[in-house]
């Protein structure tokens, strides 16, 4: 695959999910897996799995299925940067602390190295092994710690106020966990993750399913 050819967003999401499954299989001693088995574990078709893997140039001995270790490494080469990417968390309330614990325990090629807050009781402390700095020092710490990505877990009411400091700090990617979609200039990759909307979507389909069962 050409270095200039970007993968579709949904493909990248599925590749990330495949890798996590493959790594779990490795821990269980599973050495090979067929496309239909991998597909079934993700609610997909075998055709979709094969399309995704063909798109990244991966081929396999179909008689034995995919070599779990080889495929996991191949996907890692596609998804991961040559060096681990450093991440900062803006907002170290309950959500920020939960996110930090989750990500730093996953062994990914991504590492949360700093947190930022305006709460004077948090600034200058270490929370879950992560130093917490003042938002006023964001640009300085981003350069010093080579932070590429920030996770926004600050209160929604102040989310828009964070945009300019993030842009001025030279951040390249943002994962927004506030419930307010945020717009950043072109060149900054943004993913708005609205937990409320996702939960309401799940609740809607549960309601529809229950209504169908009653008919």
N, C-alpha and C. Protein backbone atom coordinates (compact mmCIF):
# COMPACT_ATOMS: atom_id res chain seq x y z
N UNK A 1 0.85 -1.21 0.00
CA UNK A 1 0.00 0.00 0.00
C UNK A 1 0.87 1.25 0.00
N UNK A 2 0.53 2.18 -0.84
CA UNK A 2 1.31 3.41 -0.92
C UNK A 2 1.22 4.17 0.39
N UNK A 3 2.34 4.82 0.78
CA UNK A 3 2.36 5.63 1.99
C UNK A 3 1.40 6.81 1.89
N UNK A 4 1.06 7.19 0.64
CA UNK A 4 0.21 8.35 0.44
C UNK A 4 -1.27 7.98 0.41
N UNK A 5 -1.57 6.68 0.42
CA UNK A 5 -2.95 6.22 0.32
C UNK A 5 -3.54 6.02 1.71
N UNK A 6 -4.44 6.89 2.08
CA UNK A 6 -5.06 6.80 3.40
C UNK A 6 -6.19 5.78 3.37
N UNK A 7 -6.31 5.01 4.44
CA UNK A 7 -7.38 4.03 4.55
C UNK A 7 -8.67 4.72 4.95
N UNK A 8 -9.82 4.17 4.57
CA UNK A 8 -11.11 4.71 5.03
C UNK A 8 -11.20 4.61 6.55
N UNK A 9 -11.92 5.56 7.15
CA UNK A 9 -12.04 5.61 8.61
C UNK A 9 -12.58 4.31 9.18
N UNK A 10 -13.63 3.76 8.58
CA UNK A 10 -14.25 2.54 9.09
C UNK A 10 -13.29 1.36 9.02
N UNK A 11 -12.46 1.34 7.98
CA UNK A 11 -11.48 0.27 7.85
C UNK A 11 -10.46 0.35 8.98
N UNK A 12 -10.00 1.56 9.27
CA UNK A 12 -9.04 1.75 10.37
C UNK A 12 -9.66 1.29 11.69
N UNK A 13 -10.93 1.64 11.91
CA UNK A 13 -11.60 1.22 13.14
C UNK A 13 -11.66 -0.30 13.23
N UNK A 14 -12.00 -0.95 12.13
CA UNK A 14 -12.11 -2.42 12.15
C UNK A 14 -10.74 -3.06 12.34
N UNK A 15 -9.71 -2.51 11.71
CA UNK A 15 -8.37 -3.06 11.87
C UNK A 15 -7.92 -3.00 13.34
N UNK A 16 -8.24 -1.90 14.00
CA UNK A 16 -7.92 -1.77 15.42
C UNK A 16 -8.64 -2.86 16.23
N UNK A 17 -9.90 -3.09 15.89
CA UNK A 17 -10.67 -4.12 16.59
C UNK A 17 -10.12 -5.52 16.29
N UNK A 18 -9.76 -5.77 15.03
CA UNK A 18 -9.17 -7.07 14.69
C UNK A 18 -7.91 -7.32 15.51
N UNK A 19 -7.07 -6.31 15.60
CA UNK A 19 -5.81 -6.48 16.32
C UNK A 19 -6.04 -6.84 17.78
N UNK A 20 -6.97 -6.15 18.41
CA UNK A 20 -7.24 -6.47 19.82
C UNK A 20 -7.72 -7.91 19.98
N UNK A 21 -8.54 -8.36 19.04
CA UNK A 21 -9.00 -9.75 19.08
C UNK A 21 -7.84 -10.71 18.86
N UNK A 22 -6.98 -10.41 17.91
CA UNK A 22 -5.84 -11.27 17.62
C UNK A 22 -4.90 -11.36 18.82
N UNK A 23 -4.70 -10.25 19.50
CA UNK A 23 -3.83 -10.26 20.67
C UNK A 23 -4.43 -11.09 21.80
N UNK A 24 -5.74 -11.04 21.93
CA UNK A 24 -6.40 -11.89 22.93
C UNK A 24 -6.25 -13.36 22.55
N UNK A 25 -6.36 -13.65 21.25
CA UNK A 25 -6.18 -15.03 20.78
C UNK A 25 -4.77 -15.53 21.09
N UNK A 26 -3.78 -14.66 20.88
CA UNK A 26 -2.40 -15.03 21.18
C UNK A 26 -2.26 -15.45 22.64
N UNK A 27 -2.85 -14.67 23.54
CA UNK A 27 -2.75 -14.97 24.96
C UNK A 27 -3.41 -16.30 25.30
N UNK A 28 -4.39 -16.71 24.48
CA UNK A 28 -5.08 -17.97 24.71
C UNK A 28 -4.40 -19.15 24.02
N UNK A 29 -3.29 -18.85 23.33
CA UNK A 29 -2.55 -19.92 22.66
C UNK A 29 -3.08 -20.28 21.29
N UNK A 30 -3.97 -19.47 20.74
CA UNK A 30 -4.53 -19.72 19.40
C UNK A 30 -3.54 -19.21 18.36
N UNK A 31 -3.14 -20.06 17.44
CA UNK A 31 -2.11 -19.68 16.46
C UNK A 31 -2.68 -19.29 15.10
N UNK A 32 -3.85 -19.81 14.75
CA UNK A 32 -4.46 -19.51 13.44
C UNK A 32 -5.94 -19.25 13.61
N UNK A 33 -6.48 -18.41 12.73
CA UNK A 33 -7.90 -18.09 12.79
C UNK A 33 -8.42 -17.87 11.37
N UNK A 34 -9.59 -18.43 11.07
CA UNK A 34 -10.19 -18.25 9.76
C UNK A 34 -10.94 -16.93 9.68
N UNK A 35 -11.10 -16.43 8.47
CA UNK A 35 -11.76 -15.14 8.28
C UNK A 35 -13.19 -15.15 8.81
N UNK A 36 -13.91 -16.27 8.63
CA UNK A 36 -15.30 -16.30 9.09
C UNK A 36 -15.38 -16.31 10.62
N UNK A 37 -14.34 -16.86 11.27
CA UNK A 37 -14.32 -16.85 12.74
C UNK A 37 -14.05 -15.44 13.25
N UNK A 38 -13.04 -14.79 12.65
CA UNK A 38 -12.72 -13.41 13.03
C UNK A 38 -13.92 -12.51 12.76
N UNK A 39 -14.57 -12.74 11.63
CA UNK A 39 -15.74 -11.93 11.28
C UNK A 39 -16.86 -12.12 12.30
N UNK A 40 -17.12 -13.37 12.68
CA UNK A 40 -18.19 -13.65 13.62
C UNK A 40 -17.97 -13.00 14.97
N UNK A 41 -16.71 -12.86 15.37
CA UNK A 41 -16.39 -12.24 16.65
C UNK A 41 -16.64 -10.74 16.65
N UNK A 42 -16.84 -10.17 15.43
CA UNK A 42 -17.07 -8.72 15.32
C UNK A 42 -18.41 -8.39 14.66
N UNK A 43 -19.24 -9.41 14.47
CA UNK A 43 -20.54 -9.16 13.87
C UNK A 43 -20.46 -8.74 12.42
N UNK A 44 -19.43 -9.24 11.71
CA UNK A 44 -19.20 -8.89 10.31
C UNK A 44 -19.30 -10.13 9.43
N UNK A 45 -19.18 -9.94 8.13
CA UNK A 45 -19.11 -11.07 7.20
C UNK A 45 -17.65 -11.39 6.90
N UNK A 46 -17.39 -12.62 6.52
CA UNK A 46 -16.03 -13.01 6.14
C UNK A 46 -15.55 -12.20 4.95
N UNK A 47 -16.48 -11.84 4.07
CA UNK A 47 -16.13 -11.03 2.89
C UNK A 47 -15.58 -9.68 3.33
N UNK A 48 -16.21 -9.07 4.35
CA UNK A 48 -15.74 -7.77 4.83
C UNK A 48 -14.34 -7.87 5.41
N UNK A 49 -14.09 -8.90 6.19
CA UNK A 49 -12.76 -9.09 6.77
C UNK A 49 -11.72 -9.25 5.68
N UNK A 50 -12.02 -10.09 4.69
CA UNK A 50 -11.06 -10.31 3.61
C UNK A 50 -10.81 -9.04 2.81
N UNK A 51 -11.86 -8.24 2.61
CA UNK A 51 -11.70 -6.97 1.89
C UNK A 51 -10.78 -6.03 2.66
N UNK A 52 -10.99 -5.94 3.97
CA UNK A 52 -10.16 -5.07 4.78
C UNK A 52 -8.69 -5.49 4.71
N UNK A 53 -8.44 -6.78 4.79
CA UNK A 53 -7.06 -7.27 4.79
C UNK A 53 -6.43 -7.17 3.40
N UNK A 54 -7.23 -7.36 2.37
CA UNK A 54 -6.71 -7.16 1.01
C UNK A 54 -6.33 -5.70 0.79
N UNK A 55 -7.10 -4.80 1.41
CA UNK A 55 -6.85 -3.37 1.24
C UNK A 55 -5.50 -2.97 1.81
N UNK A 56 -5.03 -3.67 2.84
CA UNK A 56 -3.72 -3.36 3.41
C UNK A 56 -2.63 -4.28 2.85
N UNK A 57 -3.01 -5.13 1.88
CA UNK A 57 -2.01 -5.96 1.21
C UNK A 57 -1.65 -7.24 1.94
N UNK A 58 -2.54 -7.72 2.80
CA UNK A 58 -2.24 -8.95 3.54
C UNK A 58 -2.87 -10.14 2.85
N UNK A 59 -2.08 -11.23 2.70
CA UNK A 59 -2.60 -12.47 2.14
C UNK A 59 -2.26 -13.60 3.10
N UNK A 60 -2.97 -14.72 2.98
CA UNK A 60 -2.78 -15.81 3.95
C UNK A 60 -3.02 -17.16 3.30
N UNK A 61 -2.47 -18.19 3.93
CA UNK A 61 -2.74 -19.57 3.55
C UNK A 61 -4.14 -19.93 4.04
N UNK A 62 -5.10 -19.95 3.13
CA UNK A 62 -6.49 -20.15 3.54
C UNK A 62 -6.76 -21.54 4.09
N UNK A 63 -5.88 -22.51 3.86
CA UNK A 63 -6.10 -23.86 4.38
C UNK A 63 -5.97 -23.89 5.90
N UNK A 64 -5.12 -23.03 6.43
CA UNK A 64 -4.92 -23.00 7.89
C UNK A 64 -5.55 -21.78 8.53
N UNK A 65 -5.98 -20.86 7.71
CA UNK A 65 -6.48 -19.61 8.25
C UNK A 65 -5.35 -18.61 8.40
N UNK A 66 -5.65 -17.48 8.99
CA UNK A 66 -4.64 -16.44 9.17
C UNK A 66 -3.73 -16.80 10.35
N UNK A 67 -2.43 -16.59 10.17
CA UNK A 67 -1.49 -16.73 11.28
C UNK A 67 -1.73 -15.55 12.23
N UNK A 68 -2.17 -15.85 13.42
CA UNK A 68 -2.58 -14.82 14.37
C UNK A 68 -1.45 -13.83 14.66
N UNK A 69 -0.27 -14.34 14.94
CA UNK A 69 0.87 -13.49 15.29
C UNK A 69 1.30 -12.63 14.11
N UNK A 70 1.38 -13.24 12.94
CA UNK A 70 1.81 -12.51 11.74
C UNK A 70 0.82 -11.41 11.38
N UNK A 71 -0.48 -11.74 11.45
CA UNK A 71 -1.51 -10.75 11.10
C UNK A 71 -1.53 -9.59 12.10
N UNK A 72 -1.38 -9.90 13.38
CA UNK A 72 -1.35 -8.85 14.40
C UNK A 72 -0.19 -7.90 14.15
N UNK A 73 0.98 -8.46 13.84
CA UNK A 73 2.16 -7.63 13.57
C UNK A 73 1.96 -6.81 12.29
N UNK A 74 1.33 -7.41 11.29
CA UNK A 74 1.11 -6.72 10.02
C UNK A 74 0.20 -5.52 10.23
N UNK A 75 -0.88 -5.72 10.98
CA UNK A 75 -1.81 -4.62 11.26
C UNK A 75 -1.11 -3.53 12.07
N UNK A 76 -0.26 -3.95 13.01
CA UNK A 76 0.49 -2.97 13.81
C UNK A 76 1.37 -2.10 12.94
N UNK A 77 2.00 -2.71 11.94
CA UNK A 77 2.85 -1.94 11.03
C UNK A 77 2.05 -0.91 10.24
N UNK A 78 0.78 -1.23 9.98
CA UNK A 78 -0.09 -0.31 9.24
C UNK A 78 -0.59 0.82 10.14
N UNK A 79 -1.03 0.45 11.34
CA UNK A 79 -1.68 1.43 12.21
C UNK A 79 -0.73 2.31 13.00
N UNK A 80 0.38 1.72 13.45
CA UNK A 80 1.24 2.40 14.41
C UNK A 80 2.30 3.27 13.75
N UNK A 81 2.62 4.36 14.42
CA UNK A 81 3.74 5.20 14.00
C UNK A 81 5.04 4.49 14.38
N UNK A 82 6.17 4.85 13.74
CA UNK A 82 7.45 4.21 14.07
C UNK A 82 7.82 4.32 15.55
N UNK A 83 7.45 5.45 16.16
CA UNK A 83 7.71 5.66 17.57
C UNK A 83 6.38 5.86 18.30
N UNK A 84 6.30 5.47 19.57
CA UNK A 84 5.06 5.68 20.32
C UNK A 84 4.63 7.15 20.31
N UNK A 85 3.33 7.38 20.21
CA UNK A 85 2.81 8.74 20.23
C UNK A 85 2.42 9.12 21.65
N UNK A 86 2.79 10.31 22.06
CA UNK A 86 2.47 10.80 23.39
C UNK A 86 1.15 11.57 23.39
N UNK A 87 0.40 11.38 24.46
CA UNK A 87 -0.93 11.95 24.57
C UNK A 87 -1.06 12.76 25.84
N UNK A 88 -1.82 13.84 25.76
CA UNK A 88 -2.15 14.63 26.94
C UNK A 88 -3.65 14.58 27.18
N UNK A 89 -4.05 14.60 28.43
CA UNK A 89 -5.47 14.61 28.79
C UNK A 89 -5.81 15.98 29.38
N UNK A 90 -6.81 16.62 28.80
CA UNK A 90 -7.23 17.93 29.30
C UNK A 90 -8.52 17.74 30.09
N UNK A 91 -8.39 17.92 31.40
CA UNK A 91 -9.53 17.71 32.30
C UNK A 91 -9.34 16.41 33.06
N UNK A 92 -8.91 16.50 34.32
CA UNK A 92 -8.65 15.29 35.10
C UNK A 92 -9.68 15.08 36.20
N UNK A 93 -10.95 15.19 35.79
CA UNK A 93 -12.04 14.81 36.69
C UNK A 93 -12.20 13.30 36.66
N UNK A 94 -13.36 12.81 37.02
CA UNK A 94 -13.59 11.36 37.06
C UNK A 94 -13.40 10.74 35.68
N UNK A 95 -13.92 11.40 34.63
CA UNK A 95 -13.80 10.85 33.28
C UNK A 95 -12.34 10.83 32.83
N UNK A 96 -11.63 11.92 33.04
CA UNK A 96 -10.23 11.98 32.64
C UNK A 96 -9.39 10.92 33.32
N UNK A 97 -9.64 10.70 34.60
CA UNK A 97 -8.88 9.69 35.34
C UNK A 97 -9.23 8.28 34.86
N UNK A 98 -10.50 8.05 34.54
CA UNK A 98 -10.92 6.74 34.04
C UNK A 98 -10.28 6.46 32.69
N UNK A 99 -10.24 7.47 31.82
CA UNK A 99 -9.63 7.32 30.50
C UNK A 99 -8.15 7.00 30.64
N UNK A 100 -7.47 7.71 31.54
CA UNK A 100 -6.04 7.50 31.75
C UNK A 100 -5.75 6.07 32.20
N UNK A 101 -6.52 5.58 33.15
CA UNK A 101 -6.33 4.21 33.63
C UNK A 101 -6.56 3.21 32.51
N UNK A 102 -7.57 3.46 31.69
CA UNK A 102 -7.92 2.54 30.61
C UNK A 102 -6.82 2.47 29.56
N UNK A 103 -6.40 3.61 29.05
CA UNK A 103 -5.44 3.61 27.95
C UNK A 103 -4.06 3.14 28.37
N UNK A 104 -3.58 3.59 29.49
CA UNK A 104 -2.21 3.23 29.89
C UNK A 104 -2.10 1.79 30.35
N UNK A 105 -3.21 1.10 30.46
CA UNK A 105 -3.15 -0.31 30.82
C UNK A 105 -3.30 -1.23 29.63
N UNK A 106 -3.36 -0.67 28.43
CA UNK A 106 -3.63 -1.47 27.24
C UNK A 106 -2.38 -1.90 26.47
N UNK A 107 -1.22 -1.34 26.81
CA UNK A 107 -0.01 -1.72 26.11
C UNK A 107 0.00 -1.30 24.65
N UNK A 108 -0.65 -0.20 24.33
CA UNK A 108 -0.70 0.28 22.96
C UNK A 108 0.55 1.08 22.61
N UNK A 109 0.64 1.45 21.32
CA UNK A 109 1.74 2.30 20.88
C UNK A 109 1.39 3.76 21.12
N UNK A 110 0.56 3.99 22.11
CA UNK A 110 0.10 5.32 22.50
C UNK A 110 0.25 5.42 24.01
N UNK A 111 0.75 6.56 24.49
CA UNK A 111 0.98 6.67 25.93
C UNK A 111 0.58 8.04 26.44
N UNK A 112 -0.27 8.05 27.44
CA UNK A 112 -0.63 9.30 28.10
C UNK A 112 0.52 9.71 29.01
N UNK A 113 1.09 10.88 28.75
CA UNK A 113 2.28 11.32 29.49
C UNK A 113 2.02 12.53 30.36
N UNK A 114 0.87 13.20 30.17
CA UNK A 114 0.61 14.41 30.95
C UNK A 114 -0.88 14.68 31.00
N UNK A 115 -1.28 15.36 32.07
CA UNK A 115 -2.65 15.81 32.21
C UNK A 115 -2.64 17.32 32.45
N UNK A 116 -3.74 17.97 32.11
CA UNK A 116 -3.84 19.42 32.26
C UNK A 116 -5.20 19.77 32.88
N UNK A 117 -5.16 20.73 33.79
CA UNK A 117 -6.40 21.11 34.47
C UNK A 117 -6.27 22.55 34.96
N UNK A 118 -7.40 23.12 35.34
CA UNK A 118 -7.39 24.47 35.92
C UNK A 118 -7.59 24.42 37.43
N UNK A 119 -7.89 23.24 37.94
CA UNK A 119 -8.12 23.06 39.37
C UNK A 119 -6.78 23.12 40.12
N UNK A 120 -6.61 24.11 40.97
CA UNK A 120 -5.34 24.29 41.68
C UNK A 120 -5.01 23.12 42.59
N UNK A 121 -6.02 22.39 43.02
CA UNK A 121 -5.77 21.24 43.89
C UNK A 121 -5.20 20.06 43.11
N UNK A 122 -5.44 20.04 41.80
CA UNK A 122 -4.91 18.96 40.96
C UNK A 122 -3.55 19.33 40.36
N UNK A 123 -3.39 20.59 39.97
CA UNK A 123 -2.15 21.04 39.34
C UNK A 123 -0.97 20.84 40.28
N UNK A 124 0.09 20.24 39.75
CA UNK A 124 1.27 19.99 40.56
C UNK A 124 1.26 18.65 41.25
N UNK A 125 0.17 17.90 41.10
CA UNK A 125 0.08 16.56 41.70
C UNK A 125 0.31 15.50 40.63
N UNK A 126 0.43 14.26 41.07
CA UNK A 126 0.54 13.11 40.17
C UNK A 126 -0.70 12.25 40.37
N UNK A 127 -1.44 12.05 39.32
CA UNK A 127 -2.70 11.30 39.38
C UNK A 127 -2.56 10.04 38.53
N UNK A 128 -2.63 8.89 39.18
CA UNK A 128 -2.46 7.61 38.48
C UNK A 128 -1.15 7.60 37.67
N UNK A 129 -0.09 8.06 38.32
CA UNK A 129 1.26 8.08 37.73
C UNK A 129 1.42 9.11 36.61
N UNK A 130 0.43 9.99 36.44
CA UNK A 130 0.50 11.00 35.38
C UNK A 130 0.59 12.38 36.02
N UNK A 131 1.64 13.15 35.71
CA UNK A 131 1.76 14.50 36.28
C UNK A 131 0.68 15.41 35.70
N UNK A 132 0.10 16.23 36.58
CA UNK A 132 -0.96 17.15 36.16
C UNK A 132 -0.41 18.57 36.16
N UNK A 133 -0.50 19.23 35.01
CA UNK A 133 0.02 20.58 34.83
C UNK A 133 -1.11 21.59 34.67
N UNK A 134 -0.78 22.83 34.84
CA UNK A 134 -1.75 23.90 34.61
C UNK A 134 -2.01 24.06 33.12
N UNK A 135 -3.25 24.40 32.77
CA UNK A 135 -3.59 24.65 31.36
C UNK A 135 -2.75 25.78 30.80
N UNK A 136 -2.31 26.69 31.66
CA UNK A 136 -1.49 27.81 31.20
C UNK A 136 -0.15 27.35 30.62
N UNK A 137 0.27 26.14 30.97
CA UNK A 137 1.57 25.63 30.50
C UNK A 137 1.41 24.63 29.36
N UNK A 138 0.20 24.58 28.77
CA UNK A 138 -0.07 23.57 27.74
C UNK A 138 0.94 23.59 26.59
N UNK A 139 1.13 24.76 25.97
CA UNK A 139 2.04 24.85 24.82
C UNK A 139 3.46 24.44 25.20
N UNK A 140 3.90 24.89 26.35
CA UNK A 140 5.25 24.57 26.82
C UNK A 140 5.44 23.08 27.04
N UNK A 141 4.47 22.43 27.69
CA UNK A 141 4.58 21.01 27.98
C UNK A 141 4.41 20.15 26.73
N UNK A 142 3.56 20.60 25.80
CA UNK A 142 3.37 19.87 24.54
C UNK A 142 4.69 19.78 23.78
N UNK A 143 5.42 20.89 23.75
CA UNK A 143 6.72 20.89 23.07
C UNK A 143 7.74 20.07 23.84
N UNK A 144 7.77 20.24 25.15
CA UNK A 144 8.76 19.56 25.98
C UNK A 144 8.57 18.04 25.96
N UNK A 145 7.32 17.58 25.99
CA UNK A 145 7.03 16.15 26.09
C UNK A 145 6.68 15.53 24.73
N UNK A 146 6.75 16.31 23.67
CA UNK A 146 6.45 15.83 22.33
C UNK A 146 5.07 15.19 22.26
N UNK A 147 4.08 15.93 22.73
CA UNK A 147 2.70 15.44 22.73
C UNK A 147 2.06 15.71 21.36
N UNK A 148 1.51 14.67 20.74
CA UNK A 148 0.89 14.80 19.43
C UNK A 148 -0.62 14.91 19.48
N UNK A 149 -1.19 14.28 20.51
CA UNK A 149 -2.65 14.14 20.59
C UNK A 149 -3.13 14.56 21.98
N UNK A 150 -4.33 15.16 22.04
CA UNK A 150 -4.94 15.43 23.34
C UNK A 150 -6.32 14.79 23.38
N UNK A 151 -6.67 14.34 24.57
CA UNK A 151 -8.01 13.83 24.85
C UNK A 151 -8.73 14.90 25.68
N UNK A 152 -9.87 15.35 25.20
CA UNK A 152 -10.63 16.36 25.92
C UNK A 152 -11.68 15.68 26.80
N UNK A 153 -11.49 15.78 28.10
CA UNK A 153 -12.46 15.23 29.06
C UNK A 153 -12.87 16.30 30.05
N UNK A 154 -12.77 17.54 29.62
CA UNK A 154 -13.14 18.69 30.46
C UNK A 154 -14.66 18.85 30.45
N UNK A 155 -15.22 19.65 31.36
CA UNK A 155 -16.66 19.89 31.35
C UNK A 155 -17.12 20.49 30.01
N UNK A 156 -18.28 20.08 29.56
CA UNK A 156 -18.80 20.54 28.27
C UNK A 156 -18.90 22.06 28.21
N UNK A 157 -19.24 22.68 29.32
CA UNK A 157 -19.47 24.14 29.33
C UNK A 157 -18.21 24.93 28.99
N UNK A 158 -17.03 24.33 29.16
CA UNK A 158 -15.79 25.05 28.85
C UNK A 158 -15.08 24.46 27.64
N UNK A 159 -15.72 23.52 26.96
CA UNK A 159 -15.06 22.82 25.86
C UNK A 159 -14.57 23.77 24.77
N UNK A 160 -15.40 24.74 24.38
CA UNK A 160 -15.02 25.66 23.31
C UNK A 160 -13.82 26.52 23.70
N UNK A 161 -13.67 26.79 24.99
CA UNK A 161 -12.55 27.61 25.45
C UNK A 161 -11.21 26.90 25.30
N UNK A 162 -11.25 25.60 25.13
CA UNK A 162 -10.02 24.81 25.02
C UNK A 162 -9.49 24.78 23.59
N UNK A 163 -10.35 25.06 22.62
CA UNK A 163 -9.97 24.92 21.22
C UNK A 163 -8.75 25.75 20.87
N UNK A 164 -8.77 27.03 21.17
CA UNK A 164 -7.66 27.92 20.79
C UNK A 164 -6.34 27.51 21.46
N UNK A 165 -6.31 27.23 22.76
CA UNK A 165 -5.06 26.77 23.37
C UNK A 165 -4.52 25.50 22.72
N UNK A 166 -5.40 24.59 22.34
CA UNK A 166 -4.98 23.35 21.69
C UNK A 166 -4.35 23.64 20.33
N UNK A 167 -5.00 24.52 19.57
CA UNK A 167 -4.47 24.90 18.25
C UNK A 167 -3.12 25.58 18.40
N UNK A 168 -3.03 26.52 19.31
CA UNK A 168 -1.79 27.28 19.51
C UNK A 168 -0.64 26.40 20.01
N UNK A 169 -0.98 25.30 20.67
CA UNK A 169 0.05 24.39 21.19
C UNK A 169 0.62 23.50 20.10
N UNK A 170 -0.01 23.49 18.93
CA UNK A 170 0.50 22.69 17.83
C UNK A 170 0.06 21.23 17.85
N UNK A 171 -1.04 20.94 18.54
CA UNK A 171 -1.56 19.58 18.62
C UNK A 171 -2.04 19.13 17.24
N UNK A 172 -1.82 17.85 16.92
CA UNK A 172 -2.16 17.33 15.59
C UNK A 172 -3.44 16.50 15.57
N UNK A 173 -3.86 16.00 16.75
CA UNK A 173 -5.05 15.17 16.81
C UNK A 173 -5.80 15.37 18.11
N UNK A 174 -7.13 15.32 18.03
CA UNK A 174 -7.98 15.55 19.20
C UNK A 174 -9.05 14.47 19.27
N UNK A 175 -9.16 13.85 20.46
CA UNK A 175 -10.28 12.95 20.74
C UNK A 175 -11.15 13.67 21.76
N UNK A 176 -12.33 14.07 21.31
CA UNK A 176 -13.20 14.91 22.12
C UNK A 176 -14.26 14.08 22.83
N UNK A 177 -14.13 13.95 24.15
CA UNK A 177 -15.08 13.20 24.95
C UNK A 177 -16.15 14.09 25.57
N UNK A 178 -16.13 15.37 25.29
CA UNK A 178 -17.20 16.23 25.79
C UNK A 178 -18.42 15.99 24.91
N UNK A 179 -19.58 16.42 25.37
CA UNK A 179 -20.81 16.18 24.61
C UNK A 179 -21.07 17.28 23.58
N UNK A 180 -20.09 18.16 23.38
CA UNK A 180 -20.23 19.25 22.41
C UNK A 180 -19.28 19.04 21.23
N UNK A 181 -19.81 18.86 20.02
CA UNK A 181 -18.93 18.74 18.85
C UNK A 181 -18.10 20.00 18.69
N UNK A 182 -16.81 19.84 18.44
CA UNK A 182 -15.91 20.98 18.32
C UNK A 182 -15.29 21.01 16.94
N UNK A 183 -15.10 22.21 16.42
CA UNK A 183 -14.48 22.39 15.12
C UNK A 183 -13.07 22.94 15.29
N UNK A 184 -12.13 22.31 14.57
CA UNK A 184 -10.74 22.75 14.58
C UNK A 184 -10.31 23.04 13.15
N UNK A 185 -9.24 23.83 12.97
CA UNK A 185 -8.76 24.13 11.62
C UNK A 185 -8.35 22.86 10.87
N UNK A 186 -8.36 22.96 9.55
CA UNK A 186 -7.88 21.86 8.73
C UNK A 186 -6.45 21.52 9.11
N UNK A 187 -6.14 20.24 9.10
CA UNK A 187 -4.80 19.81 9.49
C UNK A 187 -4.77 19.18 10.86
N UNK A 188 -5.83 19.41 11.65
CA UNK A 188 -5.96 18.77 12.96
C UNK A 188 -7.03 17.69 12.86
N UNK A 189 -6.65 16.46 13.15
CA UNK A 189 -7.58 15.34 13.08
C UNK A 189 -8.45 15.35 14.33
N UNK A 190 -9.77 15.36 14.16
CA UNK A 190 -10.68 15.45 15.30
C UNK A 190 -11.69 14.31 15.25
N UNK A 191 -11.88 13.67 16.39
CA UNK A 191 -12.92 12.66 16.54
C UNK A 191 -13.79 13.07 17.72
N UNK A 192 -15.06 13.40 17.43
CA UNK A 192 -15.99 13.78 18.48
C UNK A 192 -16.72 12.53 18.97
N UNK A 193 -16.54 12.20 20.25
CA UNK A 193 -17.11 10.99 20.83
C UNK A 193 -18.15 11.39 21.86
N UNK A 194 -19.40 11.31 21.46
CA UNK A 194 -20.49 11.76 22.32
C UNK A 194 -21.13 10.55 22.99
N UNK A 195 -20.79 10.31 24.24
CA UNK A 195 -21.29 9.15 24.97
C UNK A 195 -22.81 9.21 25.11
N UNK A 196 -23.36 10.40 25.34
CA UNK A 196 -24.80 10.54 25.51
C UNK A 196 -25.55 10.12 24.25
N UNK A 197 -25.09 10.59 23.08
CA UNK A 197 -25.74 10.23 21.82
C UNK A 197 -25.66 8.73 21.57
N UNK A 198 -24.50 8.15 21.83
CA UNK A 198 -24.34 6.71 21.61
C UNK A 198 -25.25 5.90 22.52
N UNK A 199 -25.34 6.32 23.78
CA UNK A 199 -26.20 5.61 24.72
C UNK A 199 -27.67 5.75 24.34
N UNK A 200 -28.06 6.95 23.90
CA UNK A 200 -29.44 7.15 23.48
C UNK A 200 -29.76 6.33 22.23
N UNK A 201 -28.77 6.15 21.34
CA UNK A 201 -28.97 5.32 20.16
C UNK A 201 -29.22 3.88 20.56
N UNK A 202 -28.41 3.38 21.50
CA UNK A 202 -28.60 2.02 21.98
C UNK A 202 -29.98 1.87 22.62
N UNK A 203 -30.36 2.86 23.45
CA UNK A 203 -31.65 2.80 24.13
C UNK A 203 -32.80 2.81 23.13
N UNK A 204 -32.65 3.57 22.05
CA UNK A 204 -33.70 3.63 21.03
C UNK A 204 -33.92 2.26 20.40
N UNK A 205 -32.83 1.59 20.03
CA UNK A 205 -32.97 0.30 19.37
C UNK A 205 -33.45 -0.78 20.33
N UNK A 206 -33.10 -0.66 21.61
CA UNK A 206 -33.65 -1.58 22.61
C UNK A 206 -35.16 -1.39 22.70
N UNK A 207 -35.59 -0.12 22.72
CA UNK A 207 -37.02 0.19 22.79
C UNK A 207 -37.76 -0.37 21.58
N UNK A 208 -37.17 -0.20 20.38
CA UNK A 208 -37.80 -0.68 19.16
C UNK A 208 -37.88 -2.21 19.14
N UNK A 209 -36.82 -2.84 19.66
CA UNK A 209 -36.80 -4.29 19.71
C UNK A 209 -37.89 -4.81 20.65
N UNK A 210 -38.02 -4.16 21.81
CA UNK A 210 -39.03 -4.56 22.78
C UNK A 210 -40.44 -4.34 22.22
N UNK A 211 -40.60 -3.24 21.50
CA UNK A 211 -41.92 -2.98 20.90
C UNK A 211 -42.25 -4.03 19.86
N UNK A 212 -41.23 -4.45 19.09
CA UNK A 212 -41.44 -5.50 18.10
C UNK A 212 -41.79 -6.83 18.74
N UNK A 213 -41.19 -7.11 19.90
CA UNK A 213 -41.47 -8.37 20.60
C UNK A 213 -42.89 -8.41 21.13
N UNK A 214 -43.46 -7.21 21.38
CA UNK A 214 -44.81 -7.14 21.95
C UNK A 214 -45.89 -7.26 20.89
N UNK A 215 -45.49 -7.09 19.62
CA UNK A 215 -46.49 -7.12 18.54
C UNK A 215 -46.90 -8.57 18.24
